């Protein structure tokens, strides 16, 4: 089961990375609406999201549904980390409190 949990966590991580690609793409000014949606970053991001979804479907062969939702919530941690590291966003008290509650929930569920 550990292998399937790892597959799910990797899938959640790469989905968060795909969100970063979409945000990076949204920060670029394109010459047309078509280029805004049909460019390398957007196509790659959606391809990664499909792969992530397939990984989750595969992982659910062994991972209980209740545990899958907990593992999926780790995406909030990844997105927050990417926000700070890549986009230089600031973490305020509410965001930190939310992340702490997510981690606490994961720990409580694990116990």
N, C-alpha and C. Protein backbone atom coordinates (compact mmCIF):
# COMPACT_ATOMS: atom_id res chain seq x y z
N UNK A 1 0.82 -1.20 0.00
CA UNK A 1 0.00 0.00 0.00
C UNK A 1 0.86 1.26 0.00
N UNK A 2 2.07 1.18 0.55
CA UNK A 2 2.96 2.34 0.61
C UNK A 2 3.29 2.83 -0.80
N UNK A 3 3.47 1.90 -1.73
CA UNK A 3 3.75 2.28 -3.12
C UNK A 3 2.60 3.11 -3.69
N UNK A 4 1.37 2.69 -3.42
CA UNK A 4 0.20 3.39 -3.95
C UNK A 4 0.03 4.76 -3.30
N UNK A 5 0.34 4.86 -2.01
CA UNK A 5 0.31 6.16 -1.33
C UNK A 5 1.36 7.09 -1.96
N UNK A 6 2.54 6.55 -2.23
CA UNK A 6 3.60 7.35 -2.86
C UNK A 6 3.18 7.81 -4.25
N UNK A 7 2.55 6.94 -5.01
CA UNK A 7 2.07 7.31 -6.34
C UNK A 7 1.06 8.44 -6.24
N UNK A 8 0.16 8.34 -5.26
CA UNK A 8 -0.85 9.39 -5.10
C UNK A 8 -0.19 10.71 -4.71
N UNK A 9 0.76 10.68 -3.78
CA UNK A 9 1.43 11.91 -3.35
C UNK A 9 2.23 12.54 -4.49
N UNK A 10 2.86 11.73 -5.30
CA UNK A 10 3.60 12.25 -6.45
C UNK A 10 2.61 12.87 -7.44
N UNK A 11 1.48 12.23 -7.63
CA UNK A 11 0.46 12.78 -8.51
C UNK A 11 -0.06 14.12 -8.03
N UNK A 12 -0.27 14.24 -6.72
CA UNK A 12 -0.72 15.51 -6.15
C UNK A 12 0.36 16.58 -6.33
N UNK A 13 1.61 16.19 -6.13
CA UNK A 13 2.71 17.14 -6.29
C UNK A 13 2.82 17.64 -7.72
N UNK A 14 2.73 16.75 -8.69
CA UNK A 14 2.88 17.20 -10.07
C UNK A 14 1.66 18.02 -10.52
N UNK A 15 0.49 17.76 -9.93
CA UNK A 15 -0.67 18.60 -10.23
C UNK A 15 -0.44 20.02 -9.71
N UNK A 16 0.18 20.13 -8.53
CA UNK A 16 0.51 21.46 -8.00
C UNK A 16 1.52 22.15 -8.91
N UNK A 17 2.48 21.39 -9.43
CA UNK A 17 3.46 21.97 -10.37
C UNK A 17 2.76 22.44 -11.64
N UNK A 18 1.75 21.71 -12.09
CA UNK A 18 0.99 22.12 -13.27
C UNK A 18 0.25 23.43 -13.00
N UNK A 19 -0.24 23.60 -11.78
CA UNK A 19 -0.89 24.87 -11.43
C UNK A 19 0.10 26.03 -11.52
N UNK A 20 1.34 25.78 -11.14
CA UNK A 20 2.37 26.82 -11.26
C UNK A 20 2.58 27.18 -12.73
N UNK A 21 2.62 26.18 -13.59
CA UNK A 21 2.77 26.45 -15.03
C UNK A 21 1.61 27.29 -15.55
N UNK A 22 0.39 26.98 -15.11
CA UNK A 22 -0.76 27.77 -15.55
C UNK A 22 -0.68 29.20 -15.05
N UNK A 23 -0.24 29.38 -13.81
CA UNK A 23 -0.12 30.74 -13.28
C UNK A 23 0.97 31.52 -14.02
N UNK A 24 2.09 30.86 -14.28
CA UNK A 24 3.17 31.51 -15.04
C UNK A 24 2.67 31.92 -16.43
N UNK A 25 1.89 31.05 -17.05
CA UNK A 25 1.36 31.36 -18.37
C UNK A 25 0.38 32.52 -18.33
N UNK A 26 -0.37 32.63 -17.25
CA UNK A 26 -1.36 33.72 -17.14
C UNK A 26 -0.70 35.08 -16.94
N UNK A 27 0.56 35.08 -16.56
CA UNK A 27 1.27 36.33 -16.33
C UNK A 27 1.89 36.90 -17.61
N UNK A 28 1.77 36.18 -18.69
CA UNK A 28 2.35 36.60 -19.97
C UNK A 28 1.24 37.21 -20.83
N UNK A 29 1.56 38.29 -21.50
CA UNK A 29 0.62 38.94 -22.41
C UNK A 29 0.80 38.31 -23.79
N UNK A 30 -0.30 37.76 -24.32
CA UNK A 30 -0.25 37.09 -25.62
C UNK A 30 -0.88 37.97 -26.69
N UNK A 31 -0.52 37.71 -27.94
CA UNK A 31 -1.00 38.53 -29.05
C UNK A 31 -2.45 38.22 -29.43
N UNK A 32 -2.94 37.04 -29.03
CA UNK A 32 -4.32 36.69 -29.35
C UNK A 32 -4.87 35.74 -28.29
N UNK A 33 -6.18 35.59 -28.27
CA UNK A 33 -6.82 34.66 -27.32
C UNK A 33 -6.43 33.22 -27.61
N UNK A 34 -6.26 32.90 -28.86
CA UNK A 34 -5.86 31.53 -29.23
C UNK A 34 -4.50 31.20 -28.64
N UNK A 35 -3.55 32.11 -28.77
CA UNK A 35 -2.21 31.88 -28.22
C UNK A 35 -2.23 31.84 -26.69
N UNK A 36 -3.19 32.50 -26.10
CA UNK A 36 -3.31 32.50 -24.64
C UNK A 36 -3.63 31.09 -24.12
N UNK A 37 -4.42 30.36 -24.88
CA UNK A 37 -4.84 29.03 -24.46
C UNK A 37 -4.08 27.90 -25.15
N UNK A 38 -3.51 28.17 -26.29
CA UNK A 38 -2.76 27.16 -27.02
C UNK A 38 -1.29 27.54 -27.07
N UNK A 39 -0.63 27.36 -25.95
CA UNK A 39 0.81 27.58 -25.89
C UNK A 39 1.43 26.42 -25.12
N UNK A 40 2.73 26.34 -25.15
CA UNK A 40 3.43 25.19 -24.58
C UNK A 40 3.13 25.02 -23.09
N UNK A 41 3.14 26.10 -22.33
CA UNK A 41 2.93 25.99 -20.88
C UNK A 41 1.54 25.46 -20.55
N UNK A 42 0.54 25.99 -21.21
CA UNK A 42 -0.84 25.57 -20.92
C UNK A 42 -1.05 24.12 -21.34
N UNK A 43 -0.60 23.76 -22.51
CA UNK A 43 -0.78 22.38 -22.98
C UNK A 43 -0.01 21.41 -22.09
N UNK A 44 1.20 21.77 -21.70
CA UNK A 44 1.98 20.92 -20.81
C UNK A 44 1.30 20.80 -19.44
N UNK A 45 0.79 21.90 -18.92
CA UNK A 45 0.12 21.88 -17.61
C UNK A 45 -1.09 20.95 -17.62
N UNK A 46 -1.91 21.05 -18.65
CA UNK A 46 -3.09 20.19 -18.71
C UNK A 46 -2.71 18.73 -18.97
N UNK A 47 -1.65 18.50 -19.70
CA UNK A 47 -1.16 17.13 -19.88
C UNK A 47 -0.70 16.55 -18.55
N UNK A 48 0.01 17.34 -17.76
CA UNK A 48 0.46 16.90 -16.44
C UNK A 48 -0.74 16.62 -15.54
N UNK A 49 -1.77 17.44 -15.62
CA UNK A 49 -2.96 17.22 -14.79
C UNK A 49 -3.68 15.92 -15.16
N UNK A 50 -3.71 15.60 -16.46
CA UNK A 50 -4.30 14.33 -16.88
C UNK A 50 -3.48 13.17 -16.32
N UNK A 51 -2.16 13.27 -16.41
CA UNK A 51 -1.29 12.23 -15.86
C UNK A 51 -1.51 12.10 -14.36
N UNK A 52 -1.63 13.22 -13.67
CA UNK A 52 -1.88 13.21 -12.23
C UNK A 52 -3.20 12.51 -11.91
N UNK A 53 -4.22 12.79 -12.70
CA UNK A 53 -5.52 12.14 -12.49
C UNK A 53 -5.43 10.63 -12.70
N UNK A 54 -4.70 10.23 -13.72
CA UNK A 54 -4.51 8.80 -13.97
C UNK A 54 -3.75 8.13 -12.83
N UNK A 55 -2.77 8.84 -12.28
CA UNK A 55 -2.03 8.31 -11.14
C UNK A 55 -2.95 8.12 -9.94
N UNK A 56 -3.84 9.07 -9.73
CA UNK A 56 -4.78 8.96 -8.61
C UNK A 56 -5.73 7.79 -8.80
N UNK A 57 -6.24 7.64 -10.00
CA UNK A 57 -7.14 6.51 -10.29
C UNK A 57 -6.41 5.19 -10.03
N UNK A 58 -5.17 5.10 -10.49
CA UNK A 58 -4.38 3.89 -10.26
C UNK A 58 -4.14 3.68 -8.77
N UNK A 59 -3.81 4.73 -8.04
CA UNK A 59 -3.50 4.60 -6.61
C UNK A 59 -4.73 4.18 -5.81
N UNK A 60 -5.92 4.59 -6.25
CA UNK A 60 -7.14 4.23 -5.53
C UNK A 60 -7.45 2.74 -5.60
N UNK A 61 -6.66 1.99 -6.34
CA UNK A 61 -6.82 0.53 -6.33
C UNK A 61 -6.54 -0.02 -4.94
N UNK A 62 -5.62 0.61 -4.22
CA UNK A 62 -5.23 0.12 -2.88
C UNK A 62 -5.45 1.14 -1.78
N UNK A 63 -5.44 2.42 -2.12
CA UNK A 63 -5.58 3.47 -1.11
C UNK A 63 -7.08 3.66 -0.80
N UNK A 64 -7.46 3.58 0.48
CA UNK A 64 -8.87 3.82 0.83
C UNK A 64 -9.30 5.23 0.46
N UNK A 65 -10.55 5.38 0.09
CA UNK A 65 -11.06 6.67 -0.33
C UNK A 65 -10.88 7.73 0.76
N UNK A 66 -11.08 7.34 2.01
CA UNK A 66 -10.93 8.31 3.11
C UNK A 66 -9.49 8.79 3.23
N UNK A 67 -8.53 7.93 2.96
CA UNK A 67 -7.13 8.34 3.03
C UNK A 67 -6.75 9.16 1.80
N UNK A 68 -7.35 8.86 0.67
CA UNK A 68 -7.06 9.59 -0.56
C UNK A 68 -7.38 11.06 -0.45
N UNK A 69 -8.49 11.39 0.19
CA UNK A 69 -8.83 12.81 0.35
C UNK A 69 -7.83 13.52 1.26
N UNK A 70 -7.35 12.82 2.26
CA UNK A 70 -6.33 13.40 3.14
C UNK A 70 -5.03 13.62 2.36
N UNK A 71 -4.63 12.64 1.58
CA UNK A 71 -3.41 12.79 0.79
C UNK A 71 -3.57 13.91 -0.24
N UNK A 72 -4.74 14.04 -0.79
CA UNK A 72 -5.00 15.11 -1.75
C UNK A 72 -4.90 16.49 -1.13
N UNK A 73 -5.20 16.58 0.16
CA UNK A 73 -5.13 17.88 0.84
C UNK A 73 -3.70 18.38 0.98
N UNK A 74 -2.72 17.51 0.77
CA UNK A 74 -1.34 17.97 0.83
C UNK A 74 -1.01 18.93 -0.31
N UNK A 75 -1.88 18.98 -1.32
CA UNK A 75 -1.65 19.92 -2.43
C UNK A 75 -1.62 21.36 -1.92
N UNK A 76 -2.37 21.67 -0.87
CA UNK A 76 -2.35 23.02 -0.30
C UNK A 76 -0.94 23.37 0.19
N UNK A 77 -0.26 22.39 0.75
CA UNK A 77 1.11 22.63 1.23
C UNK A 77 2.06 22.89 0.05
N UNK A 78 1.91 22.07 -1.00
CA UNK A 78 2.76 22.24 -2.16
C UNK A 78 2.53 23.59 -2.83
N UNK A 79 1.27 23.96 -2.99
CA UNK A 79 0.94 25.22 -3.65
C UNK A 79 1.45 26.40 -2.83
N UNK A 80 1.33 26.32 -1.50
CA UNK A 80 1.84 27.40 -0.64
C UNK A 80 3.36 27.51 -0.77
N UNK A 81 4.03 26.36 -0.77
CA UNK A 81 5.50 26.37 -0.91
C UNK A 81 5.91 26.95 -2.26
N UNK A 82 5.24 26.54 -3.33
CA UNK A 82 5.54 27.09 -4.65
C UNK A 82 5.28 28.59 -4.69
N UNK A 83 4.20 29.01 -4.04
CA UNK A 83 3.88 30.44 -4.01
C UNK A 83 4.99 31.26 -3.38
N UNK A 84 5.54 30.75 -2.29
CA UNK A 84 6.61 31.46 -1.60
C UNK A 84 7.92 31.39 -2.39
N UNK A 85 8.26 30.19 -2.88
CA UNK A 85 9.55 30.00 -3.53
C UNK A 85 9.61 30.57 -4.95
N UNK A 86 8.54 30.43 -5.70
CA UNK A 86 8.58 30.82 -7.11
C UNK A 86 8.00 32.22 -7.33
N UNK A 87 6.88 32.50 -6.66
CA UNK A 87 6.20 33.78 -6.89
C UNK A 87 6.47 34.82 -5.82
N UNK A 88 7.28 34.46 -4.83
CA UNK A 88 7.67 35.37 -3.74
C UNK A 88 6.45 35.95 -3.02
N UNK A 89 5.44 35.10 -2.83
CA UNK A 89 4.25 35.52 -2.09
C UNK A 89 4.54 35.49 -0.59
N UNK A 90 3.84 36.30 0.14
CA UNK A 90 4.01 36.37 1.59
C UNK A 90 2.97 35.47 2.26
N UNK A 91 3.41 34.78 3.29
CA UNK A 91 2.49 33.99 4.09
C UNK A 91 2.02 34.83 5.27
N UNK A 92 0.72 35.07 5.35
CA UNK A 92 0.21 35.80 6.50
C UNK A 92 -0.27 34.82 7.56
N UNK A 93 -0.74 35.35 8.67
CA UNK A 93 -1.13 34.51 9.80
C UNK A 93 -2.24 33.53 9.42
N UNK A 94 -3.23 33.98 8.67
CA UNK A 94 -4.35 33.11 8.29
C UNK A 94 -3.89 31.95 7.41
N UNK A 95 -2.99 32.23 6.49
CA UNK A 95 -2.48 31.17 5.61
C UNK A 95 -1.67 30.15 6.41
N UNK A 96 -0.84 30.64 7.32
CA UNK A 96 -0.03 29.74 8.14
C UNK A 96 -0.93 28.90 9.04
N UNK A 97 -1.94 29.53 9.63
CA UNK A 97 -2.87 28.80 10.49
C UNK A 97 -3.59 27.72 9.68
N UNK A 98 -4.01 28.05 8.48
CA UNK A 98 -4.66 27.07 7.62
C UNK A 98 -3.76 25.90 7.29
N UNK A 99 -2.50 26.18 6.99
CA UNK A 99 -1.55 25.10 6.69
C UNK A 99 -1.29 24.23 7.91
N UNK A 100 -1.21 24.87 9.09
CA UNK A 100 -1.02 24.11 10.33
C UNK A 100 -2.21 23.19 10.57
N UNK A 101 -3.41 23.68 10.34
CA UNK A 101 -4.61 22.85 10.52
C UNK A 101 -4.63 21.68 9.54
N UNK A 102 -4.19 21.91 8.32
CA UNK A 102 -4.12 20.82 7.34
C UNK A 102 -3.14 19.75 7.80
N UNK A 103 -1.96 20.17 8.22
CA UNK A 103 -0.95 19.22 8.70
C UNK A 103 -1.46 18.48 9.94
N UNK A 104 -2.10 19.20 10.85
CA UNK A 104 -2.66 18.58 12.06
C UNK A 104 -3.70 17.54 11.68
N UNK A 105 -4.55 17.86 10.70
CA UNK A 105 -5.56 16.91 10.26
C UNK A 105 -4.94 15.66 9.68
N UNK A 106 -3.89 15.81 8.89
CA UNK A 106 -3.19 14.66 8.32
C UNK A 106 -2.60 13.80 9.43
N UNK A 107 -1.99 14.45 10.42
CA UNK A 107 -1.38 13.71 11.54
C UNK A 107 -2.44 12.99 12.35
N UNK A 108 -3.53 13.68 12.67
CA UNK A 108 -4.61 13.05 13.45
C UNK A 108 -5.17 11.85 12.71
N UNK A 109 -5.39 12.00 11.41
CA UNK A 109 -5.90 10.89 10.64
C UNK A 109 -4.92 9.71 10.63
N UNK A 110 -3.63 10.02 10.54
CA UNK A 110 -2.62 8.97 10.49
C UNK A 110 -2.54 8.17 11.78
N UNK A 111 -2.81 8.84 12.88
CA UNK A 111 -2.74 8.17 14.18
C UNK A 111 -3.96 7.30 14.35
